[in-house]
Amino acid sequence: MKNSLTFLFLSAIILSSCSSTSGTVRGTVCYPSEYIPAMNIYLKNKETNKIYSLDIKENQKPFKFKKVPAGNYIAFAYTVQEISTDDNNKTSIANGGYTHAVPCGLTVDCKDHSLLVFKVENGKTTKNIQICDWFGAIMKDGYN
C-alpha cells in the first residue's frame, strides 16, 4: 500500500510538470508595398500588459511566438526604419496591427480599426494572426 501511494504521488508530480503553461502564436505579416520591410512584432497581454517581441526580416511573412503564457492578447508591429512620410515631409516608422478590419477583409466598408483581442491557451497554437492593417490601426492599446 505504501509503495502504491508513493507511486501515485510521484506520478502526479511528473504529470503536473509535463503540462504546458504556455501556448504558441502563429501568423503572417502583410504590408501595402512590393516588399515587406524589416519590423518588430509585438504581442501584448491585456491583463498583465507584458509585451513579447519578435524581429522580422525584410520580406518575411510568417512569424511564430513560442512559449507565450495563456491569456488575452493583441498583436501589432512597427517598422524598423522610418518609411512613412506625412504631408510636411516628416518621416516616421509605420505601425500596423491585427485589427477588426482584417477579418472584415480590409475593404472601405471595414470601419473598425481597433486591435482585435485573441486568446492564447496552454498547450495550444493560436493561428491566423494577420498583422495586415497599416491604414488606420488604432494603436492606443499598443506599445505606447
C-alpha atoms as a PDB file:
ATOM      1  CA  MET A   1       0.000   0.000   0.000  1.00  0.00           C
ATOM      2  CA  LYS A   2       2.810   2.388   0.882  1.00  0.00           C
ATOM      3  CA  ASN A   3       4.501   1.705  -2.469  1.00  0.00           C
ATOM      4  CA  SER A   4       1.223   2.366  -4.302  1.00  0.00           C
ATOM      5  CA  LEU A   5       0.784   5.749  -2.603  1.00  0.00           C
ATOM      6  CA  THR A   6       4.386   6.691  -3.352  1.00  0.00           C
ATOM      7  CA  PHE A   7       3.894   5.690  -6.995  1.00  0.00           C
ATOM      8  CA  LEU A   8       0.687   7.756  -7.267  1.00  0.00           C
ATOM      9  CA  PHE A   9       2.337  10.761  -5.640  1.00  0.00           C
ATOM     10  CA  LEU A  10       5.365  10.613  -7.949  1.00  0.00           C
ATOM     11  CA  SER A  11       3.136  10.098 -10.992  1.00  0.00           C
ATOM     12  CA  ALA A  12       1.123  13.193 -10.088  1.00  0.00           C
ATOM     13  CA  ILE A  13       4.296  15.263  -9.767  1.00  0.00           C
ATOM     14  CA  ILE A  14       5.633  14.054 -13.114  1.00  0.00           C
ATOM     15  CA  LEU A  15       2.338  14.651 -14.908  1.00  0.00           C
ATOM     16  CA  SER A  16       1.942  18.139 -13.479  1.00  0.00           C
ATOM     17  CA  SER A  17       5.458  19.078 -14.541  1.00  0.00           C
ATOM     18  CA  CYS A  18       4.704  17.899 -18.093  1.00  0.00           C
ATOM     19  CA  SER A  19       1.600  20.008 -18.536  1.00  0.00           C
ATOM     20  CA  SER A  20       2.167  23.092 -20.629  1.00  0.00           C
ATOM     21  CA  THR A  21       1.743  26.514 -19.086  1.00  0.00           C
ATOM     22  CA  SER A  22       2.065  28.338 -22.378  1.00  0.00           C
ATOM     23  CA  GLY A  23       0.928  28.302 -25.976  1.00  0.00           C
ATOM     24  CA  THR A  24       2.186  29.213 -29.423  1.00  0.00           C
ATOM     25  CA  VAL A  25       1.065  32.064 -31.681  1.00  0.00           C
ATOM     26  CA  ARG A  26       1.435  31.741 -35.455  1.00  0.00           C
ATOM     27  CA  GLY A  27       0.599  34.319 -38.050  1.00  0.00           C
ATOM     28  CA  THR A  28       1.590  36.337 -41.064  1.00  0.00           C
ATOM     29  CA  VAL A  29       2.597  39.887 -41.830  1.00  0.00           C
ATOM     30  CA  CYS A  30       1.214  41.817 -44.793  1.00  0.00           C
ATOM     31  CA  TYR A  31       2.391  45.210 -45.968  1.00  0.00           C
ATOM     32  CA  PRO A  32       0.964  47.537 -48.642  1.00  0.00           C
ATOM     33  CA  SER A  33       4.046  47.539 -50.870  1.00  0.00           C
ATOM     34  CA  GLU A  34       6.065  45.350 -53.237  1.00  0.00           C
ATOM     35  CA  TYR A  35       8.075  44.208 -50.260  1.00  0.00           C
ATOM     36  CA  ILE A  36       7.681  43.750 -46.523  1.00  0.00           C
ATOM     37  CA  PRO A  37      10.102  45.925 -44.558  1.00  0.00           C
ATOM     38  CA  ALA A  38      12.009  44.644 -41.543  1.00  0.00           C
ATOM     39  CA  MET A  39       9.888  45.141 -38.456  1.00  0.00           C
ATOM     40  CA  ASN A  40       9.327  44.286 -34.838  1.00  0.00           C
ATOM     41  CA  ILE A  41       6.186  42.349 -33.981  1.00  0.00           C
ATOM     42  CA  TYR A  42       4.669  42.599 -30.527  1.00  0.00           C
ATOM     43  CA  LEU A  43       2.157  40.602 -28.529  1.00  0.00           C
ATOM     44  CA  LYS A  44       0.732  42.412 -25.524  1.00  0.00           C
ATOM     45  CA  ASN A  45      -1.086  40.588 -22.731  1.00  0.00           C
ATOM     46  CA  LYS A  46      -4.244  42.561 -21.979  1.00  0.00           C
ATOM     47  CA  GLU A  47      -4.327  41.568 -18.308  1.00  0.00           C
ATOM     48  CA  THR A  48      -0.661  41.953 -17.335  1.00  0.00           C
ATOM     49  CA  ASN A  49       0.467  44.458 -20.029  1.00  0.00           C
ATOM     50  CA  LYS A  50       3.552  42.266 -20.545  1.00  0.00           C
ATOM     51  CA  ILE A  51       4.889  42.617 -24.075  1.00  0.00           C
ATOM     52  CA  TYR A  52       6.617  39.899 -26.109  1.00  0.00           C
ATOM     53  CA  SER A  53       8.592  40.890 -29.202  1.00  0.00           C
ATOM     54  CA  LEU A  54       9.931  39.236 -32.313  1.00  0.00           C
ATOM     55  CA  ASP A  55      12.159  40.642 -35.059  1.00  0.00           C
ATOM     56  CA  ILE A  56      11.031  40.065 -38.648  1.00  0.00           C
ATOM     57  CA  LYS A  57      13.478  40.252 -41.544  1.00  0.00           C
ATOM     58  CA  GLU A  58      12.711  42.048 -44.790  1.00  0.00           C
ATOM     59  CA  ASN A  59      10.178  40.079 -46.900  1.00  0.00           C
ATOM     60  CA  GLN A  60       9.468  37.609 -44.095  1.00  0.00           C
ATOM     61  CA  LYS A  61       5.742  36.851 -43.975  1.00  0.00           C
ATOM     62  CA  PRO A  62       5.213  34.066 -41.423  1.00  0.00           C
ATOM     63  CA  PHE A  63       6.002  34.507 -37.750  1.00  0.00           C
ATOM     64  CA  LYS A  64       5.835  32.299 -34.681  1.00  0.00           C
ATOM     65  CA  PHE A  65       5.959  33.103 -30.985  1.00  0.00           C
ATOM     66  CA  LYS A  66       6.763  30.134 -28.742  1.00  0.00           C
ATOM     67  CA  LYS A  67       6.041  29.758 -25.034  1.00  0.00           C
ATOM     68  CA  VAL A  68       3.505  32.568 -24.724  1.00  0.00           C
ATOM     69  CA  PRO A  69       1.713  32.433 -21.345  1.00  0.00           C
ATOM     70  CA  ALA A  70      -2.029  31.812 -21.582  1.00  0.00           C
ATOM     71  CA  GLY A  71      -4.150  34.936 -21.695  1.00  0.00           C
ATOM     72  CA  ASN A  72      -5.800  37.522 -23.915  1.00  0.00           C
ATOM     73  CA  TYR A  73      -3.508  39.349 -26.336  1.00  0.00           C
ATOM     74  CA  ILE A  74      -3.319  41.980 -29.052  1.00  0.00           C
ATOM     75  CA  ALA A  75      -0.778  41.903 -31.901  1.00  0.00           C
ATOM     76  CA  PHE A  76       0.870  44.843 -33.649  1.00  0.00           C
ATOM     77  CA  ALA A  77       4.072  45.809 -35.424  1.00  0.00           C
ATOM     78  CA  TYR A  78       6.345  48.746 -36.110  1.00  0.00           C
ATOM     79  CA  THR A  79       8.778  49.018 -38.982  1.00  0.00           C
ATOM     80  CA  VAL A  80      12.434  49.180 -38.004  1.00  0.00           C
ATOM     81  CA  GLN A  81      13.290  52.079 -40.308  1.00  0.00           C
ATOM     82  CA  GLU A  82      11.438  55.318 -40.920  1.00  0.00           C
ATOM     83  CA  ILE A  83       9.473  54.717 -44.099  1.00  0.00           C
ATOM     84  CA  SER A  84       6.300  56.728 -43.687  1.00  0.00           C
ATOM     85  CA  THR A  85       6.205  60.379 -44.820  1.00  0.00           C
ATOM     86  CA  ASP A  86       3.481  62.814 -43.779  1.00  0.00           C
ATOM     87  CA  ASP A  87       2.212  65.957 -45.552  1.00  0.00           C
ATOM     88  CA  ASN A  88       5.066  68.015 -44.044  1.00  0.00           C
ATOM     89  CA  ASN A  89       7.736  65.602 -45.360  1.00  0.00           C
ATOM     90  CA  LYS A  90       8.405  64.325 -41.865  1.00  0.00           C
ATOM     91  CA  THR A  91       9.372  60.658 -41.862  1.00  0.00           C
ATOM     92  CA  SER A  92       8.486  58.156 -39.172  1.00  0.00           C
ATOM     93  CA  ILE A  93       8.213  54.450 -38.610  1.00  0.00           C
ATOM     94  CA  ALA A  94       4.975  52.836 -39.757  1.00  0.00           C
ATOM     95  CA  ASN A  95       2.670  50.851 -37.493  1.00  0.00           C
ATOM     96  CA  GLY A  96       0.122  48.179 -38.205  1.00  0.00           C
ATOM     97  CA  GLY A  97      -1.898  45.631 -36.359  1.00  0.00           C
ATOM     98  CA  TYR A  98      -4.217  42.681 -36.210  1.00  0.00           C
ATOM     99  CA  THR A  99      -7.433  44.698 -36.148  1.00  0.00           C
ATOM    100  CA  HIS A 100     -11.149  44.087 -36.602  1.00  0.00           C
ATOM    101  CA  ALA A 101     -10.707  45.314 -40.193  1.00  0.00           C
ATOM    102  CA  VAL A 102      -8.516  42.288 -41.033  1.00  0.00           C
ATOM    103  CA  PRO A 103     -11.179  39.543 -40.760  1.00  0.00           C
ATOM    104  CA  CYS A 104     -13.639  42.039 -42.312  1.00  0.00           C
ATOM    105  CA  GLY A 105     -11.496  41.980 -45.478  1.00  0.00           C
ATOM    106  CA  LEU A 106      -9.702  45.357 -45.207  1.00  0.00           C
ATOM    107  CA  THR A 107     -12.213  46.976 -47.566  1.00  0.00           C
ATOM    108  CA  VAL A 108     -13.510  50.549 -47.343  1.00  0.00           C
ATOM    109  CA  ASP A 109     -16.592  49.131 -45.610  1.00  0.00           C
ATOM    110  CA  CYS A 110     -14.421  47.908 -42.708  1.00  0.00           C
ATOM    111  CA  LYS A 111     -14.634  50.825 -40.295  1.00  0.00           C
ATOM    112  CA  ASP A 112     -13.324  49.252 -37.062  1.00  0.00           C
ATOM    113  CA  HIS A 113      -9.529  49.534 -36.943  1.00  0.00           C
ATOM    114  CA  SER A 114      -9.159  48.807 -33.230  1.00  0.00           C
ATOM    115  CA  LEU A 115      -6.802  45.995 -32.258  1.00  0.00           C
ATOM    116  CA  LEU A 116      -8.503  42.600 -32.101  1.00  0.00           C
ATOM    117  CA  VAL A 117      -8.133  40.639 -28.848  1.00  0.00           C
ATOM    118  CA  PHE A 118      -7.353  36.928 -29.232  1.00  0.00           C
ATOM    119  CA  LYS A 119      -6.839  34.126 -26.740  1.00  0.00           C
ATOM    120  CA  VAL A 120      -3.715  32.040 -26.133  1.00  0.00           C
ATOM    121  CA  GLU A 121      -4.381  28.738 -24.363  1.00  0.00           C
ATOM    122  CA  ASN A 122      -1.992  26.394 -22.572  1.00  0.00           C
ATOM    123  CA  GLY A 123      -0.586  23.701 -24.842  1.00  0.00           C
ATOM    124  CA  LYS A 124      -2.374  25.038 -27.937  1.00  0.00           C
ATOM    125  CA  THR A 125      -1.431  27.008 -31.042  1.00  0.00           C
ATOM    126  CA  THR A 126      -3.335  30.180 -31.858  1.00  0.00           C
ATOM    127  CA  LYS A 127      -3.246  30.524 -35.660  1.00  0.00           C
ATOM    128  CA  ASN A 128      -4.049  33.045 -38.368  1.00  0.00           C
ATOM    129  CA  ILE A 129      -2.985  36.199 -36.545  1.00  0.00           C
ATOM    130  CA  GLN A 130      -2.603  38.546 -39.508  1.00  0.00           C
ATOM    131  CA  ILE A 131      -0.841  41.843 -38.922  1.00  0.00           C
ATOM    132  CA  CYS A 132      -2.160  43.447 -42.083  1.00  0.00           C
ATOM    133  CA  ASP A 133      -3.919  46.708 -41.170  1.00  0.00           C
ATOM    134  CA  TRP A 134      -1.480  49.513 -41.970  1.00  0.00           C
ATOM    135  CA  PHE A 135      -4.102  52.078 -42.964  1.00  0.00           C
ATOM    136  CA  GLY A 136      -5.643  53.008 -39.691  1.00  0.00           C
ATOM    137  CA  ALA A 137      -4.735  50.595 -36.934  1.00  0.00           C
ATOM    138  CA  ILE A 138      -5.710  52.262 -33.684  1.00  0.00           C
ATOM    139  CA  MET A 139      -2.635  51.791 -31.540  1.00  0.00           C
ATOM    140  CA  LYS A 140      -3.908  53.248 -28.249  1.00  0.00           C
ATOM    141  CA  ASP A 141      -3.706  49.755 -26.731  1.00  0.00           C
ATOM    142  CA  GLY A 142      -0.389  49.047 -28.410  1.00  0.00           C
ATOM    143  CA  TYR A 143       3.128  49.864 -27.426  1.00  0.00           C
ATOM    144  CA  ASN A 144       2.926  53.477 -26.172  1.00  0.00           C
END
